[in-house]
């Protein structure tokens, strides 16, 4: 496995763990009627970052012009690749930026 792909997978795991932590804190605050906008802000940022990173990894893995993905049919590779690109563009249009 390539070092950059391995690093990006570790980064995705760290971002997802941070998102889960902020989500739990947010749920705890909602349960106890505590209003803290910074927790919600960071929760949304980590969720957005996770989606961006996952889209980029999917684009990298399922790039349709690589010949290493022999098990997948060319139609499936193209569909997953297009889905990743469309997901990435839809995330860029959100107002979270």
C-alpha atoms as a PDB file:
ATOM      1  CA  UNK A   1       0.000   0.000   0.000  1.00  0.00           C
ATOM      2  CA  UNK A   2       1.258   3.450  -0.809  1.00  0.00           C
ATOM      3  CA  UNK A   3       2.501   5.578   2.061  1.00  0.00           C
ATOM      4  CA  UNK A   4       0.292   8.523   1.168  1.00  0.00           C
ATOM      5  CA  UNK A   5      -2.802   6.345   1.056  1.00  0.00           C
ATOM      6  CA  UNK A   6      -1.906   4.765   4.377  1.00  0.00           C
ATOM      7  CA  UNK A   7      -1.328   8.201   5.911  1.00  0.00           C
ATOM      8  CA  UNK A   8      -4.659   9.449   4.589  1.00  0.00           C
ATOM      9  CA  UNK A   9      -6.439   6.430   6.070  1.00  0.00           C
ATOM     10  CA  UNK A  10      -4.888   7.155   9.466  1.00  0.00           C
ATOM     11  CA  UNK A  11      -5.870  10.789   9.140  1.00  0.00           C
ATOM     12  CA  UNK A  12      -9.441   9.792   8.321  1.00  0.00           C
ATOM     13  CA  UNK A  13      -9.556   7.562  11.389  1.00  0.00           C
ATOM     14  CA  UNK A  14      -8.314  10.387  13.620  1.00  0.00           C
ATOM     15  CA  UNK A  15     -10.837  12.825  12.159  1.00  0.00           C
ATOM     16  CA  UNK A  16     -13.652  10.329  12.629  1.00  0.00           C
ATOM     17  CA  UNK A  17     -12.657   9.721  16.249  1.00  0.00           C
ATOM     18  CA  UNK A  18     -12.635  13.477  16.870  1.00  0.00           C
ATOM     19  CA  UNK A  19     -16.039  13.752  15.255  1.00  0.00           C
ATOM     20  CA  UNK A  20     -17.403  10.994  17.492  1.00  0.00           C
ATOM     21  CA  UNK A  21     -15.990  12.690  20.579  1.00  0.00           C
ATOM     22  CA  UNK A  22     -17.575  16.018  19.665  1.00  0.00           C
ATOM     23  CA  UNK A  23     -20.831  14.288  18.798  1.00  0.00           C
ATOM     24  CA  UNK A  24     -20.930  12.646  22.232  1.00  0.00           C
ATOM     25  CA  UNK A  25     -20.170  15.941  23.944  1.00  0.00           C
ATOM     26  CA  UNK A  26     -22.881  17.619  21.895  1.00  0.00           C
ATOM     27  CA  UNK A  27     -25.429  14.939  22.835  1.00  0.00           C
ATOM     28  CA  UNK A  28     -24.475  15.255  26.487  1.00  0.00           C
ATOM     29  CA  UNK A  29     -24.936  19.025  26.344  1.00  0.00           C
ATOM     30  CA  UNK A  30     -28.293  18.673  24.613  1.00  0.00           C
ATOM     31  CA  UNK A  31     -29.475  16.244  27.247  1.00  0.00           C
ATOM     32  CA  UNK A  32     -28.506  18.599  30.086  1.00  0.00           C
ATOM     33  CA  UNK A  33     -29.714  21.737  28.264  1.00  0.00           C
ATOM     34  CA  UNK A  34     -26.284  23.301  28.011  1.00  0.00           C
ATOM     35  CA  UNK A  35     -25.824  25.687  25.125  1.00  0.00           C
ATOM     36  CA  UNK A  36     -22.327  25.676  23.684  1.00  0.00           C
ATOM     37  CA  UNK A  37     -22.036  26.696  20.045  1.00  0.00           C
ATOM     38  CA  UNK A  38     -18.356  25.869  19.749  1.00  0.00           C
ATOM     39  CA  UNK A  39     -18.977  22.137  20.220  1.00  0.00           C
ATOM     40  CA  UNK A  40     -21.564  22.154  17.462  1.00  0.00           C
ATOM     41  CA  UNK A  41     -19.236  24.175  15.261  1.00  0.00           C
ATOM     42  CA  UNK A  42     -16.352  21.715  15.634  1.00  0.00           C
ATOM     43  CA  UNK A  43     -18.636  18.735  15.253  1.00  0.00           C
ATOM     44  CA  UNK A  44     -19.789  20.071  11.896  1.00  0.00           C
ATOM     45  CA  UNK A  45     -16.243  20.887  10.826  1.00  0.00           C
ATOM     46  CA  UNK A  46     -14.989  17.388  11.599  1.00  0.00           C
ATOM     47  CA  UNK A  47     -17.934  15.830   9.812  1.00  0.00           C
ATOM     48  CA  UNK A  48     -17.255  17.992   6.766  1.00  0.00           C
ATOM     49  CA  UNK A  49     -13.541  17.159   6.849  1.00  0.00           C
ATOM     50  CA  UNK A  50     -14.305  13.452   7.129  1.00  0.00           C
ATOM     51  CA  UNK A  51     -16.552  13.603   4.071  1.00  0.00           C
ATOM     52  CA  UNK A  52     -13.935  15.477   2.073  1.00  0.00           C
ATOM     53  CA  UNK A  53     -11.188  13.037   2.988  1.00  0.00           C
ATOM     54  CA  UNK A  54     -13.347  10.007   2.259  1.00  0.00           C
ATOM     55  CA  UNK A  55     -14.253  11.396  -1.141  1.00  0.00           C
ATOM     56  CA  UNK A  56     -10.608  11.985  -1.965  1.00  0.00           C
ATOM     57  CA  UNK A  57      -9.636   8.475  -0.899  1.00  0.00           C
ATOM     58  CA  UNK A  58     -12.446   7.009  -2.985  1.00  0.00           C
ATOM     59  CA  UNK A  59     -11.273   9.009  -5.962  1.00  0.00           C
ATOM     60  CA  UNK A  60      -7.743   7.749  -5.444  1.00  0.00           C
ATOM     61  CA  UNK A  61      -8.711   4.104  -4.976  1.00  0.00           C
ATOM     62  CA  UNK A  62     -11.310   3.884  -7.715  1.00  0.00           C
ATOM     63  CA  UNK A  63      -9.628   5.977 -10.350  1.00  0.00           C
ATOM     64  CA  UNK A  64     -11.022   4.302 -13.484  1.00  0.00           C
ATOM     65  CA  UNK A  65      -7.855   4.474 -15.549  1.00  0.00           C
ATOM     66  CA  UNK A  66      -5.746   2.423 -13.152  1.00  0.00           C
ATOM     67  CA  UNK A  67      -5.203  -1.133 -14.259  1.00  0.00           C
ATOM     68  CA  UNK A  68      -4.702  -2.587 -10.769  1.00  0.00           C
ATOM     69  CA  UNK A  69      -8.413  -2.953 -10.079  1.00  0.00           C
ATOM     70  CA  UNK A  70      -8.989  -6.078 -12.135  1.00  0.00           C
ATOM     71  CA  UNK A  71     -11.742  -7.462  -9.934  1.00  0.00           C
ATOM     72  CA  UNK A  72     -14.052  -4.549 -10.500  1.00  0.00           C
ATOM     73  CA  UNK A  73     -15.772  -4.097 -13.793  1.00  0.00           C
ATOM     74  CA  UNK A  74     -15.058  -0.905 -15.642  1.00  0.00           C
ATOM     75  CA  UNK A  75     -18.648   0.303 -15.186  1.00  0.00           C
ATOM     76  CA  UNK A  76     -18.477  -0.058 -11.410  1.00  0.00           C
ATOM     77  CA  UNK A  77     -15.142   1.729 -11.266  1.00  0.00           C
ATOM     78  CA  UNK A  78     -16.519   4.620 -13.291  1.00  0.00           C
ATOM     79  CA  UNK A  79     -19.677   4.864 -11.226  1.00  0.00           C
ATOM     80  CA  UNK A  80     -17.819   4.914  -7.916  1.00  0.00           C
ATOM     81  CA  UNK A  81     -15.323   7.404  -9.288  1.00  0.00           C
ATOM     82  CA  UNK A  82     -18.113   9.714 -10.469  1.00  0.00           C
ATOM     83  CA  UNK A  83     -19.941   9.339  -7.173  1.00  0.00           C
ATOM     84  CA  UNK A  84     -16.798  10.413  -5.335  1.00  0.00           C
ATOM     85  CA  UNK A  85     -16.345  13.465  -7.507  1.00  0.00           C
ATOM     86  CA  UNK A  86     -19.987  14.487  -7.193  1.00  0.00           C
ATOM     87  CA  UNK A  87     -19.870  14.026  -3.432  1.00  0.00           C
ATOM     88  CA  UNK A  88     -16.773  16.162  -3.237  1.00  0.00           C
ATOM     89  CA  UNK A  89     -18.347  18.978  -5.255  1.00  0.00           C
ATOM     90  CA  UNK A  90     -21.557  18.854  -3.257  1.00  0.00           C
ATOM     91  CA  UNK A  91     -19.536  19.216  -0.058  1.00  0.00           C
ATOM     92  CA  UNK A  92     -17.654  22.180  -1.435  1.00  0.00           C
ATOM     93  CA  UNK A  93     -20.916  24.012  -2.032  1.00  0.00           C
ATOM     94  CA  UNK A  94     -22.054  23.770   1.548  1.00  0.00           C
ATOM     95  CA  UNK A  95     -21.908  26.823   3.730  1.00  0.00           C
ATOM     96  CA  UNK A  96     -19.636  25.120   6.259  1.00  0.00           C
ATOM     97  CA  UNK A  97     -16.579  26.455   4.459  1.00  0.00           C
END
